[in-house]
């Protein structure tokens, strides 16, 4: 059954069941592989995308729940070939090793900084609490979010 999804600012008609999980549609039907399969249970955060600007676990989101919402994946953050300021900060801070968690961490950080452009360290930790990093690069991840949270970055939009 065709479903119309708004992903990264473009409309996509996909042939999928309303109970299909968004993660699989993004990866398998739309070729957006930046969103990762981690645990499949919504516990690790590797599959985090933004639904109407709020972080959501795509491995748990059936299409029936996301139809009509603006879906943003890691691929949708760049503008005119430039990385998003949070992506740039992750690179500058070397905030990843294997990078499997990185897209989910970045998506959660983008949502936080849009809500609160100047979060405290505690607020950053709380916002990223459900995203797991198997390599343990949490200090660099927090440093990257703090780096991106500067008035000059213009992250509110």
N, C-alpha and C. Protein backbone atom coordinates (compact mmCIF):
# COMPACT_ATOMS: atom_id res chain seq x y z
N UNK A 1 0.85 -1.19 0.00
CA UNK A 1 0.00 0.00 0.00
C UNK A 1 0.89 1.25 0.00
N UNK A 2 0.76 2.14 -0.97
CA UNK A 2 1.62 3.33 -1.03
C UNK A 2 1.38 4.27 0.16
N UNK A 3 2.49 4.78 0.68
CA UNK A 3 2.47 5.71 1.80
C UNK A 3 3.30 6.92 1.38
N UNK A 4 2.81 8.12 1.68
CA UNK A 4 3.53 9.34 1.36
C UNK A 4 4.26 9.84 2.61
N UNK A 5 5.58 9.98 2.49
CA UNK A 5 6.40 10.45 3.61
C UNK A 5 7.14 11.72 3.23
N UNK A 6 7.28 12.62 4.19
CA UNK A 6 8.08 13.83 4.00
C UNK A 6 9.42 13.59 4.69
N UNK A 7 10.46 13.37 3.89
CA UNK A 7 11.79 13.05 4.42
C UNK A 7 12.80 14.05 3.89
N UNK A 8 13.47 14.72 4.81
CA UNK A 8 14.52 15.69 4.46
C UNK A 8 14.03 16.73 3.47
N UNK A 9 12.78 17.17 3.65
CA UNK A 9 12.22 18.23 2.83
C UNK A 9 11.66 17.80 1.49
N UNK A 10 11.65 16.51 1.22
CA UNK A 10 11.10 16.01 -0.05
C UNK A 10 10.02 14.97 0.23
N UNK A 11 9.05 14.94 -0.66
CA UNK A 11 7.97 13.95 -0.53
C UNK A 11 8.41 12.66 -1.22
N UNK A 12 8.16 11.54 -0.54
CA UNK A 12 8.51 10.22 -1.08
C UNK A 12 7.30 9.30 -0.96
N UNK A 13 6.94 8.68 -2.07
CA UNK A 13 5.88 7.68 -2.05
C UNK A 13 6.57 6.32 -1.97
N UNK A 14 6.27 5.59 -0.90
CA UNK A 14 6.88 4.27 -0.71
C UNK A 14 5.78 3.22 -0.64
N UNK A 15 6.11 2.07 -1.17
CA UNK A 15 5.16 0.96 -1.13
C UNK A 15 5.50 0.12 0.10
N UNK A 16 4.78 0.38 1.18
CA UNK A 16 5.06 -0.31 2.44
C UNK A 16 3.80 -0.36 3.29
N UNK A 17 3.77 -1.32 4.15
CA UNK A 17 2.65 -1.48 5.07
C UNK A 17 2.69 -0.39 6.14
N UNK A 18 1.52 0.05 6.62
CA UNK A 18 1.49 1.06 7.68
C UNK A 18 2.19 0.62 8.96
N UNK A 19 2.35 -0.70 9.16
CA UNK A 19 3.04 -1.15 10.37
C UNK A 19 4.53 -1.39 10.14
N UNK A 20 5.04 -1.11 8.93
CA UNK A 20 6.48 -1.19 8.66
C UNK A 20 7.19 -0.15 9.52
N UNK A 21 8.34 -0.51 10.03
CA UNK A 21 9.11 0.43 10.84
C UNK A 21 9.84 1.43 9.95
N UNK A 22 9.84 2.67 10.38
CA UNK A 22 10.46 3.75 9.63
C UNK A 22 11.92 3.46 9.30
N UNK A 23 12.67 2.88 10.23
CA UNK A 23 14.08 2.59 9.99
C UNK A 23 14.28 1.80 8.71
N UNK A 24 13.51 0.75 8.53
CA UNK A 24 13.68 -0.12 7.36
C UNK A 24 13.27 0.58 6.07
N UNK A 25 12.26 1.42 6.15
CA UNK A 25 11.84 2.17 4.96
C UNK A 25 12.92 3.17 4.58
N UNK A 26 13.47 3.87 5.56
CA UNK A 26 14.54 4.82 5.27
C UNK A 26 15.72 4.13 4.62
N UNK A 27 16.16 3.04 5.19
CA UNK A 27 17.36 2.35 4.71
C UNK A 27 17.11 1.57 3.43
N UNK A 28 16.06 0.77 3.41
CA UNK A 28 15.85 -0.17 2.31
C UNK A 28 15.10 0.43 1.12
N UNK A 29 14.13 1.29 1.37
CA UNK A 29 13.34 1.86 0.27
C UNK A 29 13.91 3.17 -0.24
N UNK A 30 14.45 3.99 0.68
CA UNK A 30 14.93 5.31 0.28
C UNK A 30 16.45 5.41 0.19
N UNK A 31 17.16 4.37 0.61
CA UNK A 31 18.61 4.37 0.52
C UNK A 31 19.31 5.32 1.47
N UNK A 32 18.63 5.73 2.52
CA UNK A 32 19.21 6.64 3.51
C UNK A 32 19.82 5.80 4.63
N UNK A 33 21.05 5.40 4.43
CA UNK A 33 21.69 4.45 5.34
C UNK A 33 22.45 5.09 6.50
N UNK A 34 22.39 6.40 6.62
CA UNK A 34 23.04 7.06 7.76
C UNK A 34 22.36 6.73 9.07
N UNK A 35 21.08 6.44 9.03
CA UNK A 35 20.33 6.03 10.21
C UNK A 35 20.64 4.55 10.41
N UNK A 36 21.17 4.21 11.58
CA UNK A 36 21.69 2.86 11.81
C UNK A 36 20.73 1.98 12.60
N UNK A 37 20.81 0.68 12.32
CA UNK A 37 20.14 -0.33 13.13
C UNK A 37 21.11 -0.67 14.26
N UNK A 38 20.65 -0.50 15.47
CA UNK A 38 21.49 -0.84 16.62
C UNK A 38 20.94 -2.04 17.34
N UNK A 39 19.99 -1.79 18.21
CA UNK A 39 19.42 -2.87 19.02
C UNK A 39 18.08 -3.36 18.51
N UNK A 40 17.39 -2.54 17.73
CA UNK A 40 16.07 -2.91 17.23
C UNK A 40 14.97 -2.79 18.27
N UNK A 41 15.31 -2.30 19.45
CA UNK A 41 14.34 -2.21 20.55
C UNK A 41 14.16 -0.78 21.07
N UNK A 42 14.76 0.19 20.39
CA UNK A 42 14.63 1.58 20.80
C UNK A 42 15.44 1.96 22.02
N UNK A 43 16.43 1.16 22.36
CA UNK A 43 17.18 1.39 23.58
C UNK A 43 18.55 2.04 23.37
N UNK A 44 19.12 1.95 22.16
CA UNK A 44 20.50 2.40 21.98
C UNK A 44 20.63 3.77 21.32
N UNK A 45 19.63 4.19 20.55
CA UNK A 45 19.65 5.50 19.92
C UNK A 45 20.33 5.59 18.58
N UNK A 46 20.90 4.50 18.08
CA UNK A 46 21.60 4.55 16.79
C UNK A 46 20.65 4.92 15.64
N UNK A 47 19.37 4.63 15.81
CA UNK A 47 18.38 4.87 14.76
C UNK A 47 17.64 6.20 14.91
N UNK A 48 18.14 7.09 15.75
CA UNK A 48 17.44 8.34 16.03
C UNK A 48 17.33 9.23 14.79
N UNK A 49 16.11 9.68 14.55
CA UNK A 49 15.81 10.68 13.52
C UNK A 49 14.99 11.77 14.21
N UNK A 50 14.69 12.83 13.48
CA UNK A 50 13.82 13.87 14.02
C UNK A 50 12.45 13.75 13.37
N UNK A 51 11.42 13.73 14.18
CA UNK A 51 10.03 13.78 13.72
C UNK A 51 9.46 15.11 14.17
N UNK A 52 9.18 15.97 13.21
CA UNK A 52 8.74 17.33 13.53
C UNK A 52 9.70 17.99 14.51
N UNK A 53 10.99 17.73 14.33
CA UNK A 53 12.03 18.37 15.14
C UNK A 53 12.36 17.69 16.45
N UNK A 54 11.65 16.64 16.78
CA UNK A 54 11.90 15.95 18.06
C UNK A 54 12.56 14.61 17.79
N UNK A 55 13.53 14.23 18.64
CA UNK A 55 14.21 12.95 18.42
C UNK A 55 13.25 11.77 18.62
N UNK A 56 13.38 10.79 17.75
CA UNK A 56 12.53 9.59 17.82
C UNK A 56 13.33 8.39 17.34
N UNK A 57 13.02 7.25 17.90
CA UNK A 57 13.67 5.99 17.53
C UNK A 57 12.96 5.41 16.31
N UNK A 58 13.61 5.44 15.17
CA UNK A 58 12.97 4.99 13.94
C UNK A 58 12.75 3.49 13.90
N UNK A 59 13.48 2.73 14.72
CA UNK A 59 13.28 1.27 14.73
C UNK A 59 11.98 0.89 15.41
N UNK A 60 11.39 1.83 16.14
CA UNK A 60 10.15 1.57 16.84
C UNK A 60 8.95 2.32 16.26
N UNK A 61 9.19 3.18 15.29
CA UNK A 61 8.13 4.04 14.74
C UNK A 61 7.49 3.42 13.51
N UNK A 62 6.25 2.95 13.62
CA UNK A 62 5.56 2.44 12.43
C UNK A 62 5.20 3.59 11.50
N UNK A 63 5.12 3.31 10.22
CA UNK A 63 4.77 4.35 9.26
C UNK A 63 3.46 5.03 9.59
N UNK A 64 2.51 4.28 10.14
CA UNK A 64 1.21 4.87 10.47
C UNK A 64 1.34 6.04 11.44
N UNK A 65 2.40 6.08 12.23
CA UNK A 65 2.60 7.15 13.20
C UNK A 65 3.35 8.34 12.60
N UNK A 66 4.15 8.10 11.56
CA UNK A 66 5.00 9.17 11.03
C UNK A 66 4.44 9.84 9.78
N UNK A 67 3.38 9.29 9.18
CA UNK A 67 2.76 9.91 8.02
C UNK A 67 2.26 11.31 8.44
N UNK A 68 2.59 12.30 7.62
CA UNK A 68 2.17 13.66 7.91
C UNK A 68 3.16 14.45 8.76
N UNK A 69 4.21 13.79 9.23
CA UNK A 69 5.24 14.47 10.02
C UNK A 69 6.46 14.75 9.13
N UNK A 70 7.22 15.76 9.53
CA UNK A 70 8.47 16.06 8.84
C UNK A 70 9.55 15.17 9.45
N UNK A 71 10.11 14.30 8.62
CA UNK A 71 11.15 13.37 9.06
C UNK A 71 12.49 13.93 8.59
N UNK A 72 13.43 14.04 9.52
CA UNK A 72 14.77 14.48 9.18
C UNK A 72 15.76 13.41 9.60
N UNK A 73 16.60 13.00 8.65
CA UNK A 73 17.65 12.04 8.93
C UNK A 73 19.00 12.77 8.93
N UNK A 74 20.04 12.07 9.27
CA UNK A 74 21.38 12.67 9.28
C UNK A 74 21.72 13.25 7.91
N UNK A 75 21.25 12.62 6.84
CA UNK A 75 21.53 13.12 5.50
C UNK A 75 20.85 14.46 5.24
N UNK A 76 19.78 14.75 5.96
CA UNK A 76 19.03 15.98 5.75
C UNK A 76 19.57 17.18 6.49
N UNK A 77 20.64 17.02 7.25
CA UNK A 77 21.18 18.15 8.01
C UNK A 77 22.05 19.08 7.19
N UNK A 78 22.75 18.53 6.20
CA UNK A 78 23.65 19.38 5.41
C UNK A 78 22.83 20.36 4.57
N UNK A 79 23.43 21.51 4.32
CA UNK A 79 22.79 22.50 3.46
C UNK A 79 23.80 22.99 2.44
N UNK A 80 23.43 22.89 1.19
CA UNK A 80 24.29 23.34 0.08
C UNK A 80 25.69 22.74 0.16
N UNK A 81 25.76 21.47 0.51
CA UNK A 81 27.04 20.78 0.56
C UNK A 81 27.86 21.03 1.81
N UNK A 82 27.31 21.79 2.75
CA UNK A 82 28.02 22.07 4.01
C UNK A 82 27.42 21.25 5.13
N UNK A 83 28.30 20.71 5.95
CA UNK A 83 27.84 19.98 7.12
C UNK A 83 27.12 20.92 8.07
N UNK A 84 26.21 20.38 8.83
CA UNK A 84 25.54 21.11 9.90
C UNK A 84 26.59 21.46 10.96
N UNK A 85 26.43 22.56 11.67
CA UNK A 85 27.41 22.92 12.71
C UNK A 85 27.65 21.81 13.75
N UNK A 86 26.65 21.02 14.08
CA UNK A 86 26.86 19.93 15.03
C UNK A 86 27.74 18.86 14.38
N UNK A 87 27.51 18.56 13.11
CA UNK A 87 28.36 17.60 12.42
C UNK A 87 29.81 18.10 12.38
N UNK A 88 29.98 19.38 12.07
CA UNK A 88 31.33 19.97 12.05
C UNK A 88 32.00 19.87 13.41
N UNK A 89 31.24 20.12 14.47
CA UNK A 89 31.79 20.05 15.83
C UNK A 89 32.19 18.62 16.18
N UNK A 90 31.41 17.63 15.75
CA UNK A 90 31.77 16.23 16.01
C UNK A 90 33.08 15.88 15.32
N UNK A 91 33.27 16.37 14.10
CA UNK A 91 34.52 16.12 13.39
C UNK A 91 35.68 16.81 14.12
N UNK A 92 35.50 18.09 14.44
CA UNK A 92 36.57 18.86 15.09
C UNK A 92 36.97 18.27 16.44
N UNK A 93 35.99 17.78 17.20
CA UNK A 93 36.26 17.23 18.53
C UNK A 93 36.66 15.75 18.49
N UNK A 94 36.70 15.18 17.27
CA UNK A 94 36.98 13.75 17.12
C UNK A 94 36.09 12.94 18.05
N UNK A 95 34.78 13.22 17.95
CA UNK A 95 33.79 12.67 18.88
C UNK A 95 33.25 11.31 18.46
N UNK A 96 34.08 10.53 17.82
CA UNK A 96 33.65 9.18 17.42
C UNK A 96 34.88 8.32 17.17
N UNK A 97 34.68 7.04 17.32
CA UNK A 97 35.72 6.08 16.94
C UNK A 97 35.15 5.20 15.83
N UNK A 98 34.27 4.28 16.19
CA UNK A 98 33.68 3.43 15.16
C UNK A 98 32.60 4.18 14.39
N UNK A 99 32.02 5.21 14.99
CA UNK A 99 31.02 6.11 14.41
C UNK A 99 29.63 5.48 14.26
N UNK A 100 29.42 4.31 14.80
CA UNK A 100 28.11 3.68 14.65
C UNK A 100 27.01 4.47 15.36
N UNK A 101 27.32 5.05 16.49
CA UNK A 101 26.33 5.82 17.25
C UNK A 101 26.22 7.26 16.78
N UNK A 102 27.16 7.70 15.97
CA UNK A 102 27.31 9.12 15.68
C UNK A 102 26.06 9.78 15.10
N UNK A 103 25.42 9.17 14.12
CA UNK A 103 24.26 9.84 13.53
C UNK A 103 23.15 10.03 14.56
N UNK A 104 22.92 9.03 15.40
CA UNK A 104 21.91 9.16 16.44
C UNK A 104 22.27 10.23 17.47
N UNK A 105 23.54 10.26 17.84
CA UNK A 105 24.01 11.29 18.79
C UNK A 105 23.83 12.69 18.19
N UNK A 106 24.21 12.83 16.93
CA UNK A 106 24.09 14.14 16.28
C UNK A 106 22.64 14.57 16.19
N UNK A 107 21.75 13.65 15.83
CA UNK A 107 20.34 14.01 15.72
C UNK A 107 19.77 14.44 17.08
N UNK A 108 20.14 13.73 18.14
CA UNK A 108 19.68 14.10 19.48
C UNK A 108 20.25 15.46 19.87
N UNK A 109 21.52 15.72 19.52
CA UNK A 109 22.15 16.99 19.84
C UNK A 109 21.51 18.15 19.07
N UNK A 110 21.20 17.92 17.80
CA UNK A 110 20.54 18.96 17.00
C UNK A 110 19.20 19.33 17.62
N UNK A 111 18.43 18.33 18.01
CA UNK A 111 17.13 18.59 18.64
C UNK A 111 17.31 19.39 19.93
N UNK A 112 18.29 19.01 20.74
CA UNK A 112 18.56 19.74 21.98
C UNK A 112 18.91 21.19 21.70
N UNK A 113 19.83 21.43 20.78
CA UNK A 113 20.29 22.79 20.53
C UNK A 113 19.24 23.66 19.86
N UNK A 114 18.30 23.06 19.17
CA UNK A 114 17.19 23.84 18.63
C UNK A 114 16.25 24.27 19.75
N UNK A 115 16.09 23.41 20.75
CA UNK A 115 15.25 23.74 21.91
C UNK A 115 15.96 24.68 22.88
N UNK A 116 17.26 24.45 23.04
CA UNK A 116 18.03 25.15 24.04
C UNK A 116 19.43 25.41 23.47
N UNK A 117 19.65 26.56 22.84
CA UNK A 117 20.92 26.82 22.17
C UNK A 117 22.13 26.90 23.10
N UNK A 118 21.92 27.08 24.38
CA UNK A 118 23.02 27.19 25.34
C UNK A 118 22.82 26.23 26.52
N UNK A 119 22.79 24.93 26.27
CA UNK A 119 22.56 23.99 27.36
C UNK A 119 23.77 23.85 28.27
N UNK A 120 23.49 23.52 29.52
CA UNK A 120 24.57 23.22 30.45
C UNK A 120 25.10 21.82 30.14
N UNK A 121 26.22 21.48 30.74
CA UNK A 121 26.76 20.14 30.54
C UNK A 121 25.76 19.10 31.02
N UNK A 122 25.09 19.36 32.12
CA UNK A 122 24.09 18.42 32.64
C UNK A 122 22.92 18.25 31.67
N UNK A 123 22.50 19.34 31.04
CA UNK A 123 21.41 19.26 30.07
C UNK A 123 21.83 18.47 28.82
N UNK A 124 23.08 18.62 28.41
CA UNK A 124 23.58 17.85 27.28
C UNK A 124 23.58 16.37 27.63
N UNK A 125 24.11 16.05 28.78
CA UNK A 125 24.17 14.65 29.22
C UNK A 125 22.77 14.07 29.30
N UNK A 126 21.84 14.82 29.84
CA UNK A 126 20.45 14.33 29.95
C UNK A 126 19.85 14.10 28.57
N UNK A 127 20.08 15.02 27.63
CA UNK A 127 19.49 14.90 26.29
C UNK A 127 20.06 13.71 25.52
N UNK A 128 21.31 13.36 25.80
CA UNK A 128 21.96 12.26 25.09
C UNK A 128 21.92 10.95 25.88
N UNK A 129 21.29 10.97 27.03
CA UNK A 129 21.31 9.84 27.95
C UNK A 129 20.87 8.52 27.33
N UNK A 130 19.91 8.53 26.43
CA UNK A 130 19.43 7.29 25.83
C UNK A 130 20.21 6.83 24.62
N UNK A 131 21.26 7.56 24.25
CA UNK A 131 22.09 7.19 23.10
C UNK A 131 23.37 6.54 23.62
N UNK A 132 23.59 5.32 23.22
CA UNK A 132 24.74 4.57 23.71
C UNK A 132 25.92 4.62 22.74
N UNK A 133 27.12 4.74 23.30
CA UNK A 133 28.36 4.70 22.53
C UNK A 133 29.18 3.54 23.06
N UNK A 134 29.33 2.53 22.25
CA UNK A 134 30.08 1.34 22.67
C UNK A 134 31.57 1.64 22.83
N UNK A 135 32.06 2.66 22.16
CA UNK A 135 33.49 2.99 22.25
C UNK A 135 33.80 3.86 23.47
N UNK A 136 32.78 4.43 24.09
CA UNK A 136 32.99 5.24 25.29
C UNK A 136 33.54 6.62 25.03
N UNK A 137 33.21 7.23 23.91
CA UNK A 137 33.74 8.56 23.61
C UNK A 137 32.84 9.68 24.16
N UNK A 138 32.12 9.39 25.22
CA UNK A 138 31.19 10.37 25.79
C UNK A 138 31.83 11.73 26.08
N UNK A 139 33.02 11.79 26.67
CA UNK A 139 33.59 13.13 26.94
C UNK A 139 33.77 13.95 25.67
N UNK A 140 34.19 13.31 24.58
CA UNK A 140 34.37 14.04 23.32
C UNK A 140 33.03 14.39 22.69
N UNK A 141 32.03 13.53 22.88
CA UNK A 141 30.69 13.81 22.36
C UNK A 141 30.12 15.04 23.06
N UNK A 142 30.22 15.07 24.38
CA UNK A 142 29.73 16.22 25.15
C UNK A 142 30.50 17.48 24.75
N UNK A 143 31.81 17.35 24.58
CA UNK A 143 32.63 18.50 24.16
C UNK A 143 32.18 19.01 22.80
N UNK A 144 31.85 18.11 21.89
CA UNK A 144 31.39 18.52 20.56
C UNK A 144 30.08 19.29 20.65
N UNK A 145 29.17 18.82 21.46
CA UNK A 145 27.88 19.51 21.60
C UNK A 145 28.11 20.88 22.24
N UNK A 146 28.98 20.94 23.24
CA UNK A 146 29.29 22.24 23.86
C UNK A 146 29.92 23.18 22.82
N UNK A 147 30.79 22.65 21.98
CA UNK A 147 31.42 23.46 20.94
C UNK A 147 30.38 23.98 19.95
N UNK A 148 29.43 23.14 19.59
CA UNK A 148 28.39 23.55 18.64
C UNK A 148 27.43 24.57 19.27
N UNK A 149 27.35 24.59 20.58
CA UNK A 149 26.42 25.47 21.30
C UNK A 149 27.06 26.83 21.57
N UNK A 150 27.49 27.48 20.54
CA UNK A 150 28.03 28.83 20.69
C UNK A 150 27.11 29.79 19.95
N UNK A 151 27.01 31.01 20.43
CA UNK A 151 26.11 31.97 19.78
C UNK A 151 26.39 32.16 18.30
N UNK A 152 27.63 32.02 17.87
CA UNK A 152 27.98 32.24 16.47
C UNK A 152 27.50 31.13 15.55
N UNK A 153 27.12 30.00 16.08
CA UNK A 153 26.75 28.86 15.23
C UNK A 153 25.37 29.00 14.61
N UNK A 154 24.46 29.76 15.22
CA UNK A 154 23.14 29.97 14.65
C UNK A 154 22.32 28.70 14.53
N UNK A 155 22.25 27.92 15.59
CA UNK A 155 21.59 26.62 15.54
C UNK A 155 20.10 26.64 15.80
N UNK A 156 19.56 27.76 16.16
CA UNK A 156 18.16 27.79 16.56
C UNK A 156 17.23 27.46 15.40
N UNK A 157 17.54 27.80 14.19
CA UNK A 157 16.67 27.57 13.04
C UNK A 157 16.57 26.17 12.58
